[in-house]
Amino acid sequence: MAEDSYKTVKSPAYALYKEKGSKFLCYAYHVESVEEVAEYLEVLRKKYYDATHHCYAWRIGAKGEQFRANDDGEPSSTAGKPILGQLLSNEVTNTLIVVIRYFGGTKLGVGGLIVAYKESAAAVIEVSEIEERTVDAHFEIEFSYFVMNEVMKCIKELQPNIIKQEFDNLCKMTLSIRESRESILRGKLDNIEGLSVNFLGY
């Protein structure tokens, strides 16, 4: 996989895992921010208010720079860590996995819990549609109408995504291009007289 791409779950997914009477309801979601994580957790806590535990793990960022694992009352490192482990071993990021447990009356023990949460996370990843996405640089350019032909020639050649455009005496365009091609596009745009580039982020 290229340096400027990553794998994530495309849409919400659900799986059910059972062990010695305990039921593990497993959910996977695509997330872009910690705020989104909090929203999904709140919805699930309200829906399954009577569950014994709501354990989860998430990774955010193309390289999973931000991450967290939560045991929600299960013995330390028996729930959140195994869930996070599945995100790592499947190289999936920008993803939240929540495993909701209804206790079945039989204690699973530390080893049993680790296996159950690991298998739950694996089950929901298995049924998820995984897609590869690129890390894209976004920027806004401003230029005079007189250099329009040069700008369009550059865009035709390198084919960035045109997110927004306004053509007037002063023209504006919002563009995105995958990170590995950003410097080539920037170099060509910088050679166009009077054109200004405002970097908006990745």
N, C-alpha and C. Protein backbone atom coordinates (compact mmCIF):
# COMPACT_ATOMS: atom_id res chain seq x y z
N MET A 1 0.85 -1.19 0.00
CA MET A 1 0.00 0.00 0.00
C MET A 1 0.89 1.25 0.00
N ALA A 2 0.51 2.26 -0.80
CA ALA A 2 1.30 3.48 -0.92
C ALA A 2 1.31 4.25 0.40
N GLU A 3 2.37 5.07 0.55
CA GLU A 3 2.52 5.88 1.77
C GLU A 3 1.36 6.84 1.96
N ASP A 4 0.77 7.30 0.83
CA ASP A 4 -0.30 8.30 0.94
C ASP A 4 -1.68 7.69 0.76
N SER A 5 -1.82 6.42 1.19
CA SER A 5 -3.14 5.79 1.17
C SER A 5 -3.34 4.99 2.46
N TYR A 6 -4.60 4.67 2.76
CA TYR A 6 -4.90 3.92 3.98
C TYR A 6 -6.19 3.12 3.78
N LYS A 7 -6.40 2.13 4.64
CA LYS A 7 -7.61 1.31 4.57
C LYS A 7 -8.57 1.70 5.68
N THR A 8 -9.86 1.72 5.37
CA THR A 8 -10.88 2.04 6.36
C THR A 8 -12.17 1.28 6.04
N VAL A 9 -13.10 1.23 6.99
CA VAL A 9 -14.39 0.61 6.70
C VAL A 9 -15.24 1.63 5.93
N LYS A 10 -15.90 1.15 4.90
CA LYS A 10 -16.65 2.06 4.02
C LYS A 10 -17.96 2.52 4.65
N SER A 11 -18.65 1.61 5.33
CA SER A 11 -19.96 1.94 5.91
C SER A 11 -20.17 1.10 7.18
N PRO A 12 -21.17 1.48 8.00
CA PRO A 12 -21.39 0.74 9.25
C PRO A 12 -21.60 -0.76 9.02
N ALA A 13 -21.08 -1.57 9.94
CA ALA A 13 -21.21 -3.03 9.84
C ALA A 13 -21.55 -3.59 11.22
N TYR A 14 -22.16 -4.80 11.21
CA TYR A 14 -22.59 -5.42 12.47
C TYR A 14 -22.31 -6.92 12.42
N ALA A 15 -21.90 -7.47 13.56
CA ALA A 15 -21.73 -8.93 13.69
C ALA A 15 -22.09 -9.32 15.11
N LEU A 16 -22.46 -10.58 15.28
CA LEU A 16 -22.82 -11.10 16.61
C LEU A 16 -21.89 -12.26 16.95
N TYR A 17 -21.34 -12.23 18.17
CA TYR A 17 -20.47 -13.31 18.63
C TYR A 17 -21.01 -13.81 19.97
N LYS A 18 -21.04 -15.14 20.15
CA LYS A 18 -21.55 -15.72 21.41
C LYS A 18 -20.51 -16.62 22.05
N GLU A 19 -20.42 -16.54 23.36
CA GLU A 19 -19.48 -17.39 24.10
C GLU A 19 -20.05 -17.69 25.48
N LYS A 20 -20.32 -18.97 25.77
CA LYS A 20 -20.81 -19.43 27.08
C LYS A 20 -21.97 -18.57 27.60
N GLY A 21 -22.94 -18.34 26.75
CA GLY A 21 -24.13 -17.60 27.15
C GLY A 21 -24.02 -16.09 26.99
N SER A 22 -22.80 -15.56 27.02
CA SER A 22 -22.63 -14.11 26.81
C SER A 22 -22.80 -13.78 25.33
N LYS A 23 -23.48 -12.66 25.09
CA LYS A 23 -23.66 -12.19 23.71
C LYS A 23 -22.80 -10.95 23.52
N PHE A 24 -22.07 -10.90 22.41
CA PHE A 24 -21.23 -9.75 22.07
C PHE A 24 -21.74 -9.14 20.77
N LEU A 25 -22.32 -7.96 20.86
CA LEU A 25 -22.84 -7.25 19.69
C LEU A 25 -21.73 -6.34 19.18
N CYS A 26 -21.30 -6.55 17.95
CA CYS A 26 -20.10 -5.87 17.44
C CYS A 26 -20.48 -4.89 16.32
N TYR A 27 -20.04 -3.66 16.48
CA TYR A 27 -20.31 -2.62 15.49
C TYR A 27 -19.01 -1.99 15.00
N ALA A 28 -18.95 -1.68 13.70
CA ALA A 28 -17.80 -0.96 13.12
C ALA A 28 -18.32 0.26 12.37
N TYR A 29 -17.65 1.39 12.53
CA TYR A 29 -18.04 2.64 11.87
C TYR A 29 -16.82 3.35 11.29
N HIS A 30 -17.03 4.04 10.17
CA HIS A 30 -15.99 4.94 9.66
C HIS A 30 -16.09 6.24 10.44
N VAL A 31 -14.98 6.74 10.95
CA VAL A 31 -14.97 8.00 11.71
C VAL A 31 -13.82 8.88 11.24
N GLU A 32 -14.05 10.19 11.30
CA GLU A 32 -13.02 11.17 10.91
C GLU A 32 -12.55 12.00 12.09
N SER A 33 -13.26 11.92 13.23
CA SER A 33 -12.90 12.77 14.37
C SER A 33 -13.31 12.11 15.69
N VAL A 34 -12.72 12.60 16.79
CA VAL A 34 -13.06 12.11 18.13
C VAL A 34 -14.52 12.45 18.44
N GLU A 35 -15.01 13.56 17.89
CA GLU A 35 -16.41 13.97 18.10
C GLU A 35 -17.37 12.93 17.51
N GLU A 36 -17.03 12.43 16.32
CA GLU A 36 -17.85 11.38 15.70
C GLU A 36 -17.87 10.12 16.55
N VAL A 37 -16.71 9.77 17.09
CA VAL A 37 -16.61 8.60 17.98
C VAL A 37 -17.60 8.75 19.14
N ALA A 38 -17.58 9.93 19.77
CA ALA A 38 -18.46 10.20 20.92
C ALA A 38 -19.93 10.09 20.54
N GLU A 39 -20.28 10.56 19.33
CA GLU A 39 -21.68 10.50 18.88
C GLU A 39 -22.14 9.05 18.72
N TYR A 40 -21.33 8.23 18.08
CA TYR A 40 -21.70 6.81 17.89
C TYR A 40 -21.83 6.10 19.24
N LEU A 41 -20.89 6.37 20.14
CA LEU A 41 -20.93 5.73 21.46
C LEU A 41 -22.19 6.12 22.22
N GLU A 42 -22.58 7.37 22.11
CA GLU A 42 -23.78 7.84 22.81
C GLU A 42 -25.03 7.15 22.28
N VAL A 43 -25.12 7.02 20.97
CA VAL A 43 -26.27 6.35 20.34
C VAL A 43 -26.36 4.90 20.83
N LEU A 44 -25.22 4.19 20.82
CA LEU A 44 -25.22 2.78 21.23
C LEU A 44 -25.51 2.61 22.72
N ARG A 45 -25.01 3.52 23.54
CA ARG A 45 -25.27 3.44 24.99
C ARG A 45 -26.75 3.63 25.30
N LYS A 46 -27.39 4.50 24.53
CA LYS A 46 -28.83 4.73 24.73
C LYS A 46 -29.63 3.52 24.24
N LYS A 47 -29.22 2.99 23.08
CA LYS A 47 -29.95 1.86 22.49
C LYS A 47 -29.81 0.60 23.34
N TYR A 48 -28.60 0.35 23.83
CA TYR A 48 -28.34 -0.85 24.63
C TYR A 48 -28.01 -0.45 26.07
N TYR A 49 -28.90 0.33 26.66
CA TYR A 49 -28.69 0.88 28.01
C TYR A 49 -28.58 -0.22 29.07
N ASP A 50 -29.16 -1.39 28.79
CA ASP A 50 -29.18 -2.47 29.78
C ASP A 50 -28.01 -3.46 29.61
N ALA A 51 -27.06 -3.16 28.70
CA ALA A 51 -25.93 -4.07 28.47
C ALA A 51 -24.94 -4.00 29.64
N THR A 52 -24.17 -5.06 29.82
CA THR A 52 -23.20 -5.13 30.90
C THR A 52 -22.00 -4.23 30.64
N HIS A 53 -21.49 -4.23 29.41
CA HIS A 53 -20.31 -3.44 29.06
C HIS A 53 -20.43 -2.90 27.63
N HIS A 54 -19.87 -1.70 27.41
CA HIS A 54 -19.72 -1.13 26.06
C HIS A 54 -18.22 -0.89 25.87
N CYS A 55 -17.51 -1.86 25.32
CA CYS A 55 -16.05 -1.75 25.15
C CYS A 55 -15.75 -1.33 23.71
N TYR A 56 -14.66 -0.59 23.53
CA TYR A 56 -14.39 -0.09 22.19
C TYR A 56 -12.91 0.25 21.98
N ALA A 57 -12.57 0.45 20.71
CA ALA A 57 -11.25 0.96 20.33
C ALA A 57 -11.42 1.70 19.02
N TRP A 58 -10.58 2.71 18.81
CA TRP A 58 -10.61 3.44 17.54
C TRP A 58 -9.22 3.90 17.15
N ARG A 59 -9.05 4.13 15.85
CA ARG A 59 -7.83 4.72 15.29
C ARG A 59 -8.25 5.81 14.32
N ILE A 60 -7.56 6.95 14.37
CA ILE A 60 -7.85 8.06 13.45
C ILE A 60 -6.53 8.58 12.89
N GLY A 61 -6.54 8.94 11.61
CA GLY A 61 -5.32 9.42 10.93
C GLY A 61 -4.85 8.39 9.93
N ALA A 62 -4.24 8.85 8.84
CA ALA A 62 -3.80 7.94 7.78
C ALA A 62 -2.87 6.85 8.30
N LYS A 63 -2.08 7.18 9.32
CA LYS A 63 -1.18 6.18 9.90
C LYS A 63 -1.64 5.79 11.32
N GLY A 64 -2.89 6.12 11.64
CA GLY A 64 -3.45 5.78 12.95
C GLY A 64 -2.77 6.54 14.08
N GLU A 65 -2.42 7.81 13.82
CA GLU A 65 -1.68 8.62 14.80
C GLU A 65 -2.45 8.77 16.11
N GLN A 66 -3.77 8.88 16.03
CA GLN A 66 -4.60 8.96 17.24
C GLN A 66 -5.29 7.61 17.46
N PHE A 67 -5.30 7.15 18.69
CA PHE A 67 -6.00 5.88 18.97
C PHE A 67 -6.37 5.81 20.44
N ARG A 68 -7.34 4.96 20.73
CA ARG A 68 -7.73 4.75 22.12
C ARG A 68 -8.40 3.39 22.27
N ALA A 69 -8.23 2.78 23.43
CA ALA A 69 -8.91 1.52 23.75
C ALA A 69 -9.55 1.67 25.12
N ASN A 70 -10.78 1.16 25.27
CA ASN A 70 -11.51 1.31 26.53
C ASN A 70 -12.14 -0.03 26.95
N ASP A 71 -11.86 -0.45 28.20
CA ASP A 71 -12.37 -1.74 28.71
C ASP A 71 -13.76 -1.62 29.33
N ASP A 72 -14.22 -0.42 29.62
CA ASP A 72 -15.54 -0.17 30.21
C ASP A 72 -15.90 -1.13 31.34
N GLY A 73 -14.99 -1.26 32.30
CA GLY A 73 -15.31 -2.08 33.48
C GLY A 73 -14.87 -3.53 33.41
N GLU A 74 -14.48 -4.01 32.24
CA GLU A 74 -13.92 -5.36 32.15
C GLU A 74 -12.51 -5.32 32.76
N PRO A 75 -11.94 -6.46 33.17
CA PRO A 75 -10.57 -6.45 33.72
C PRO A 75 -9.60 -5.77 32.75
N SER A 76 -8.64 -5.04 33.29
CA SER A 76 -7.71 -4.24 32.49
C SER A 76 -7.10 -5.00 31.30
N SER A 77 -7.18 -4.38 30.13
CA SER A 77 -6.58 -4.89 28.88
C SER A 77 -7.22 -6.16 28.32
N THR A 78 -8.43 -6.52 28.82
CA THR A 78 -9.07 -7.75 28.29
C THR A 78 -10.05 -7.45 27.16
N ALA A 79 -10.39 -6.17 26.94
CA ALA A 79 -11.42 -5.84 25.95
C ALA A 79 -10.93 -4.83 24.91
N GLY A 80 -10.66 -3.60 25.38
CA GLY A 80 -10.24 -2.55 24.45
C GLY A 80 -8.98 -2.89 23.67
N LYS A 81 -8.00 -3.46 24.37
CA LYS A 81 -6.71 -3.78 23.74
C LYS A 81 -6.85 -4.85 22.64
N PRO A 82 -7.58 -5.96 22.90
CA PRO A 82 -7.77 -6.95 21.82
C PRO A 82 -8.53 -6.36 20.61
N ILE A 83 -9.47 -5.45 20.87
CA ILE A 83 -10.22 -4.81 19.77
C ILE A 83 -9.24 -3.95 18.95
N LEU A 84 -8.44 -3.13 19.65
CA LEU A 84 -7.45 -2.29 18.97
C LEU A 84 -6.45 -3.16 18.20
N GLY A 85 -6.10 -4.30 18.78
CA GLY A 85 -5.18 -5.23 18.12
C GLY A 85 -5.68 -5.67 16.76
N GLN A 86 -6.99 -5.87 16.63
CA GLN A 86 -7.57 -6.27 15.35
C GLN A 86 -7.52 -5.13 14.33
N LEU A 87 -7.73 -3.91 14.80
CA LEU A 87 -7.61 -2.74 13.90
C LEU A 87 -6.18 -2.65 13.37
N LEU A 88 -5.22 -2.88 14.27
CA LEU A 88 -3.80 -2.80 13.88
C LEU A 88 -3.40 -3.93 12.93
N SER A 89 -3.79 -5.17 13.27
CA SER A 89 -3.37 -6.31 12.44
C SER A 89 -4.03 -6.30 11.07
N ASN A 90 -5.22 -5.69 10.98
CA ASN A 90 -5.89 -5.56 9.68
C ASN A 90 -5.53 -4.26 8.97
N GLU A 91 -4.66 -3.46 9.61
CA GLU A 91 -4.19 -2.18 9.06
C GLU A 91 -5.35 -1.26 8.67
N VAL A 92 -6.34 -1.19 9.57
CA VAL A 92 -7.52 -0.37 9.33
C VAL A 92 -7.46 0.87 10.23
N THR A 93 -7.73 2.04 9.67
CA THR A 93 -7.75 3.26 10.47
C THR A 93 -9.01 4.07 10.15
N ASN A 94 -9.14 5.25 10.79
CA ASN A 94 -10.37 6.05 10.70
C ASN A 94 -11.59 5.16 10.94
N THR A 95 -11.46 4.32 11.95
CA THR A 95 -12.48 3.31 12.24
C THR A 95 -12.69 3.17 13.74
N LEU A 96 -13.96 3.03 14.12
CA LEU A 96 -14.35 2.76 15.50
C LEU A 96 -14.99 1.38 15.55
N ILE A 97 -14.56 0.55 16.50
CA ILE A 97 -15.23 -0.73 16.75
C ILE A 97 -15.74 -0.73 18.19
N VAL A 98 -17.03 -1.01 18.33
CA VAL A 98 -17.66 -1.09 19.65
C VAL A 98 -18.19 -2.52 19.84
N VAL A 99 -17.85 -3.12 20.97
CA VAL A 99 -18.36 -4.46 21.29
C VAL A 99 -19.19 -4.35 22.57
N ILE A 100 -20.48 -4.64 22.44
CA ILE A 100 -21.43 -4.52 23.55
C ILE A 100 -21.70 -5.91 24.11
N ARG A 101 -21.46 -6.08 25.41
CA ARG A 101 -21.60 -7.42 26.00
C ARG A 101 -22.82 -7.50 26.91
N TYR A 102 -23.57 -8.57 26.70
CA TYR A 102 -24.63 -8.97 27.63
C TYR A 102 -24.13 -10.22 28.34
N PHE A 103 -23.92 -10.11 29.64
CA PHE A 103 -23.36 -11.22 30.43
C PHE A 103 -24.33 -12.40 30.47
N GLY A 104 -23.78 -13.60 30.20
CA GLY A 104 -24.64 -14.78 30.11
C GLY A 104 -24.66 -15.65 31.36
N GLY A 105 -24.03 -15.18 32.46
CA GLY A 105 -24.08 -15.94 33.70
C GLY A 105 -22.85 -16.77 33.98
N THR A 106 -22.01 -17.02 32.96
CA THR A 106 -20.78 -17.79 33.15
C THR A 106 -19.58 -16.87 32.95
N LYS A 107 -18.71 -16.79 33.97
CA LYS A 107 -17.52 -15.94 33.84
C LYS A 107 -16.55 -16.58 32.85
N LEU A 108 -15.93 -15.75 32.01
CA LEU A 108 -15.04 -16.27 30.98
C LEU A 108 -13.58 -16.27 31.42
N GLY A 109 -13.27 -15.53 32.48
CA GLY A 109 -11.87 -15.44 32.91
C GLY A 109 -11.10 -14.49 32.01
N VAL A 110 -9.93 -14.08 32.46
CA VAL A 110 -9.13 -13.10 31.71
C VAL A 110 -8.82 -13.60 30.29
N GLY A 111 -8.31 -14.82 30.18
CA GLY A 111 -7.97 -15.38 28.86
C GLY A 111 -9.18 -15.48 27.96
N GLY A 112 -10.30 -15.94 28.53
CA GLY A 112 -11.54 -16.09 27.76
C GLY A 112 -12.07 -14.76 27.25
N LEU A 113 -11.95 -13.73 28.09
CA LEU A 113 -12.40 -12.40 27.69
C LEU A 113 -11.56 -11.85 26.53
N ILE A 114 -10.25 -12.00 26.65
CA ILE A 114 -9.36 -11.52 25.58
C ILE A 114 -9.72 -12.17 24.25
N VAL A 115 -9.91 -13.48 24.28
CA VAL A 115 -10.28 -14.21 23.05
C VAL A 115 -11.63 -13.74 22.53
N ALA A 116 -12.60 -13.59 23.43
CA ALA A 116 -13.96 -13.20 23.02
C ALA A 116 -13.98 -11.82 22.36
N TYR A 117 -13.28 -10.86 22.95
CA TYR A 117 -13.27 -9.50 22.37
C TYR A 117 -12.45 -9.44 21.07
N LYS A 118 -11.38 -10.24 21.03
CA LYS A 118 -10.58 -10.31 19.80
C LYS A 118 -11.42 -10.90 18.67
N GLU A 119 -12.10 -12.01 18.96
CA GLU A 119 -12.92 -12.68 17.94
C GLU A 119 -14.11 -11.81 17.51
N SER A 120 -14.67 -11.05 18.47
CA SER A 120 -15.79 -10.15 18.15
C SER A 120 -15.35 -9.08 17.16
N ALA A 121 -14.19 -8.46 17.45
CA ALA A 121 -13.67 -7.42 16.56
C ALA A 121 -13.33 -8.01 15.19
N ALA A 122 -12.73 -9.20 15.19
CA ALA A 122 -12.38 -9.87 13.92
C ALA A 122 -13.63 -10.15 13.10
N ALA A 123 -14.71 -10.56 13.80
CA ALA A 123 -15.97 -10.91 13.11
C ALA A 123 -16.57 -9.70 12.40
N VAL A 124 -16.55 -8.53 13.06
CA VAL A 124 -17.17 -7.35 12.44
C VAL A 124 -16.27 -6.79 11.32
N ILE A 125 -14.95 -6.93 11.47
CA ILE A 125 -14.06 -6.49 10.37
C ILE A 125 -14.27 -7.38 9.15
N GLU A 126 -14.47 -8.68 9.42
CA GLU A 126 -14.66 -9.64 8.32
C GLU A 126 -15.90 -9.31 7.48
N VAL A 127 -16.97 -8.83 8.12
CA VAL A 127 -18.19 -8.53 7.36
C VAL A 127 -18.22 -7.08 6.85
N SER A 128 -17.22 -6.29 7.24
CA SER A 128 -17.16 -4.90 6.78
C SER A 128 -16.62 -4.82 5.36
N GLU A 129 -17.09 -3.81 4.63
CA GLU A 129 -16.51 -3.54 3.32
C GLU A 129 -15.33 -2.59 3.55
N ILE A 130 -14.12 -3.08 3.27
CA ILE A 130 -12.91 -2.29 3.49
C ILE A 130 -12.52 -1.62 2.17
N GLU A 131 -12.26 -0.30 2.23
CA GLU A 131 -11.83 0.38 1.01
C GLU A 131 -10.53 1.13 1.26
N GLU A 132 -9.79 1.32 0.18
CA GLU A 132 -8.54 2.07 0.27
C GLU A 132 -8.82 3.52 -0.13
N ARG A 133 -8.36 4.45 0.70
CA ARG A 133 -8.53 5.87 0.40
C ARG A 133 -7.17 6.53 0.33
N THR A 134 -7.11 7.66 -0.39
CA THR A 134 -5.84 8.38 -0.49
C THR A 134 -5.80 9.55 0.48
N VAL A 135 -4.58 9.91 0.89
CA VAL A 135 -4.38 11.12 1.70
C VAL A 135 -4.24 12.25 0.69
N ASP A 136 -5.16 13.21 0.73
CA ASP A 136 -5.17 14.28 -0.26
C ASP A 136 -4.81 15.63 0.34
N ALA A 137 -4.02 16.40 -0.42
CA ALA A 137 -3.71 17.78 -0.05
C ALA A 137 -4.80 18.68 -0.65
N HIS A 138 -5.31 19.60 0.16
CA HIS A 138 -6.35 20.55 -0.31
C HIS A 138 -5.78 21.96 -0.31
N PHE A 139 -6.02 22.69 -1.37
CA PHE A 139 -5.61 24.09 -1.37
C PHE A 139 -6.49 24.92 -2.28
N GLU A 140 -6.45 26.24 -2.04
CA GLU A 140 -7.23 27.20 -2.82
C GLU A 140 -6.25 28.04 -3.64
N ILE A 141 -6.58 28.24 -4.91
CA ILE A 141 -5.73 29.11 -5.74
C ILE A 141 -6.53 30.32 -6.20
N GLU A 142 -5.86 31.45 -6.31
CA GLU A 142 -6.46 32.67 -6.82
C GLU A 142 -5.60 33.17 -7.97
N PHE A 143 -6.26 33.58 -9.05
CA PHE A 143 -5.49 34.03 -10.22
C PHE A 143 -6.34 34.95 -11.09
N SER A 144 -5.65 35.68 -11.94
CA SER A 144 -6.31 36.60 -12.87
C SER A 144 -6.90 35.80 -14.04
N TYR A 145 -7.98 36.31 -14.59
CA TYR A 145 -8.64 35.67 -15.74
C TYR A 145 -7.67 35.52 -16.92
N PHE A 146 -6.66 36.40 -16.98
CA PHE A 146 -5.72 36.40 -18.11
C PHE A 146 -4.83 35.16 -18.14
N VAL A 147 -4.64 34.49 -16.99
CA VAL A 147 -3.78 33.29 -16.98
C VAL A 147 -4.63 32.00 -16.91
N MET A 148 -5.92 32.14 -17.18
CA MET A 148 -6.85 30.99 -17.12
C MET A 148 -6.35 29.81 -17.97
N ASN A 149 -5.88 30.08 -19.19
CA ASN A 149 -5.44 28.99 -20.07
C ASN A 149 -4.28 28.20 -19.47
N GLU A 150 -3.35 28.92 -18.84
CA GLU A 150 -2.19 28.24 -18.21
C GLU A 150 -2.65 27.36 -17.05
N VAL A 151 -3.59 27.90 -16.26
CA VAL A 151 -4.11 27.14 -15.10
C VAL A 151 -4.83 25.88 -15.59
N MET A 152 -5.69 26.03 -16.59
CA MET A 152 -6.47 24.88 -17.08
C MET A 152 -5.57 23.83 -17.75
N LYS A 153 -4.50 24.29 -18.38
CA LYS A 153 -3.54 23.36 -19.00
C LYS A 153 -2.86 22.51 -17.90
N CYS A 154 -2.52 23.18 -16.81
CA CYS A 154 -1.89 22.50 -15.67
C CYS A 154 -2.86 21.49 -15.04
N ILE A 155 -4.12 21.87 -14.90
CA ILE A 155 -5.15 21.00 -14.32
C ILE A 155 -5.43 19.80 -15.23
N LYS A 156 -5.45 20.05 -16.53
CA LYS A 156 -5.70 18.96 -17.49
C LYS A 156 -4.56 17.93 -17.42
N GLU A 157 -3.35 18.43 -17.23
CA GLU A 157 -2.17 17.56 -17.22
C GLU A 157 -2.09 16.70 -15.97
N LEU A 158 -2.33 17.32 -14.79
CA LEU A 158 -2.16 16.59 -13.52
C LEU A 158 -3.46 16.10 -12.89
N GLN A 159 -4.58 16.56 -13.40
CA GLN A 159 -5.92 16.10 -13.02
C GLN A 159 -6.20 16.07 -11.51
N PRO A 160 -6.01 17.20 -10.82
CA PRO A 160 -6.47 17.25 -9.43
C PRO A 160 -8.00 17.29 -9.40
N ASN A 161 -8.60 16.99 -8.25
CA ASN A 161 -10.05 17.12 -8.12
C ASN A 161 -10.38 18.60 -7.96
N ILE A 162 -11.37 19.06 -8.72
CA ILE A 162 -11.83 20.45 -8.57
C ILE A 162 -13.03 20.42 -7.63
N ILE A 163 -12.84 20.95 -6.43
CA ILE A 163 -13.90 20.91 -5.42
C ILE A 163 -14.86 22.09 -5.59
N LYS A 164 -14.28 23.25 -5.90
CA LYS A 164 -15.10 24.46 -6.05
C LYS A 164 -14.41 25.39 -7.02
N GLN A 165 -15.19 26.16 -7.80
CA GLN A 165 -14.57 27.15 -8.69
C GLN A 165 -15.46 28.37 -8.87
N GLU A 166 -14.82 29.54 -8.91
CA GLU A 166 -15.52 30.81 -9.17
C GLU A 166 -14.71 31.56 -10.21
N PHE A 167 -15.36 31.87 -11.34
CA PHE A 167 -14.66 32.60 -12.40
C PHE A 167 -15.21 34.01 -12.51
N ASP A 168 -14.35 34.99 -12.26
CA ASP A 168 -14.71 36.41 -12.36
C ASP A 168 -13.43 37.12 -12.81
N ASN A 169 -13.33 38.43 -12.54
CA ASN A 169 -12.06 39.11 -12.84
C ASN A 169 -10.93 38.45 -12.05
N LEU A 170 -11.22 38.13 -10.77
CA LEU A 170 -10.30 37.33 -9.96
C LEU A 170 -10.92 35.94 -9.83
N CYS A 171 -10.22 34.93 -10.30
CA CYS A 171 -10.77 33.57 -10.29
C CYS A 171 -10.26 32.80 -9.06
N LYS A 172 -11.11 31.93 -8.53
CA LYS A 172 -10.75 31.11 -7.37
C LYS A 172 -11.10 29.65 -7.67
N MET A 173 -10.23 28.75 -7.24
CA MET A 173 -10.52 27.32 -7.34
C MET A 173 -10.03 26.62 -6.08
N THR A 174 -10.81 25.66 -5.60
CA THR A 174 -10.37 24.80 -4.50
C THR A 174 -10.06 23.44 -5.11
N LEU A 175 -8.82 22.97 -4.90
CA LEU A 175 -8.37 21.73 -5.52
C LEU A 175 -7.90 20.72 -4.46
N SER A 176 -7.93 19.45 -4.83
CA SER A 176 -7.30 18.42 -3.98
C SER A 176 -6.56 17.45 -4.89
N ILE A 177 -5.43 16.96 -4.39
CA ILE A 177 -4.63 15.98 -5.14
C ILE A 177 -3.93 15.09 -4.13
N ARG A 178 -3.70 13.83 -4.48
CA ARG A 178 -3.08 12.93 -3.51
C ARG A 178 -1.69 13.43 -3.13
N GLU A 179 -1.33 13.18 -1.89
CA GLU A 179 -0.13 13.76 -1.28
C GLU A 179 1.13 13.56 -2.11
N SER A 180 1.28 12.37 -2.70
CA SER A 180 2.50 12.06 -3.44
C SER A 180 2.66 12.90 -4.72
N ARG A 181 1.57 13.51 -5.19
CA ARG A 181 1.62 14.33 -6.41
C ARG A 181 1.51 15.83 -6.11
N GLU A 182 1.39 16.16 -4.84
CA GLU A 182 1.18 17.55 -4.44
C GLU A 182 2.32 18.47 -4.91
N SER A 183 3.57 18.06 -4.68
CA SER A 183 4.70 18.94 -4.99
C SER A 183 4.82 19.22 -6.48
N ILE A 184 4.44 18.25 -7.33
CA ILE A 184 4.49 18.45 -8.79
C ILE A 184 3.49 19.52 -9.19
N LEU A 185 2.25 19.40 -8.65
CA LEU A 185 1.21 20.39 -8.98
C LEU A 185 1.60 21.77 -8.44
N ARG A 186 2.08 21.80 -7.19
CA ARG A 186 2.47 23.08 -6.59
C ARG A 186 3.56 23.76 -7.42
N GLY A 187 4.52 22.96 -7.87
CA GLY A 187 5.63 23.49 -8.67
C GLY A 187 5.14 24.15 -9.95
N LYS A 188 4.20 23.50 -10.62
CA LYS A 188 3.67 24.04 -11.88
C LYS A 188 2.84 25.30 -11.63
N LEU A 189 2.03 25.28 -10.56
CA LEU A 189 1.19 26.45 -10.23
C LEU A 189 2.06 27.65 -9.84
N ASP A 190 3.16 27.38 -9.13
CA ASP A 190 4.05 28.46 -8.68
C ASP A 190 4.70 29.19 -9.86
N ASN A 191 4.76 28.52 -11.01
CA ASN A 191 5.37 29.14 -12.20
C ASN A 191 4.40 30.04 -12.96
N ILE A 192 3.13 30.05 -12.54
CA ILE A 192 2.14 30.88 -13.24
C ILE A 192 2.13 32.27 -12.59
N GLU A 193 2.34 33.28 -13.41
CA GLU A 193 2.50 34.65 -12.91
C GLU A 193 1.23 35.16 -12.21
N GLY A 194 1.43 35.71 -11.02
CA GLY A 194 0.33 36.35 -10.28
C GLY A 194 -0.61 35.38 -9.58
N LEU A 195 -0.34 34.07 -9.67
CA LEU A 195 -1.22 33.07 -9.03
C LEU A 195 -0.77 32.88 -7.57
N SER A 196 -1.74 32.86 -6.65
CA SER A 196 -1.41 32.61 -5.24
C SER A 196 -2.03 31.29 -4.77
N VAL A 197 -1.30 30.58 -3.93
CA VAL A 197 -1.74 29.28 -3.43
C VAL A 197 -1.91 29.35 -1.92
N ASN A 198 -3.09 28.96 -1.42
CA ASN A 198 -3.34 28.91 0.03
C ASN A 198 -3.59 27.46 0.42
N PHE A 199 -2.65 26.87 1.15
CA PHE A 199 -2.76 25.46 1.56
C PHE A 199 -3.82 25.31 2.64
N LEU A 200 -4.75 24.38 2.46
CA LEU A 200 -5.87 24.21 3.42
C LEU A 200 -5.68 23.00 4.34
N GLY A 201 -4.73 22.12 4.02
CA GLY A 201 -4.50 20.95 4.88
C GLY A 201 -4.76 19.65 4.16
N TYR A 202 -4.57 18.53 4.89
CA TYR A 202 -4.77 17.18 4.31
C TYR A 202 -6.12 16.62 4.73
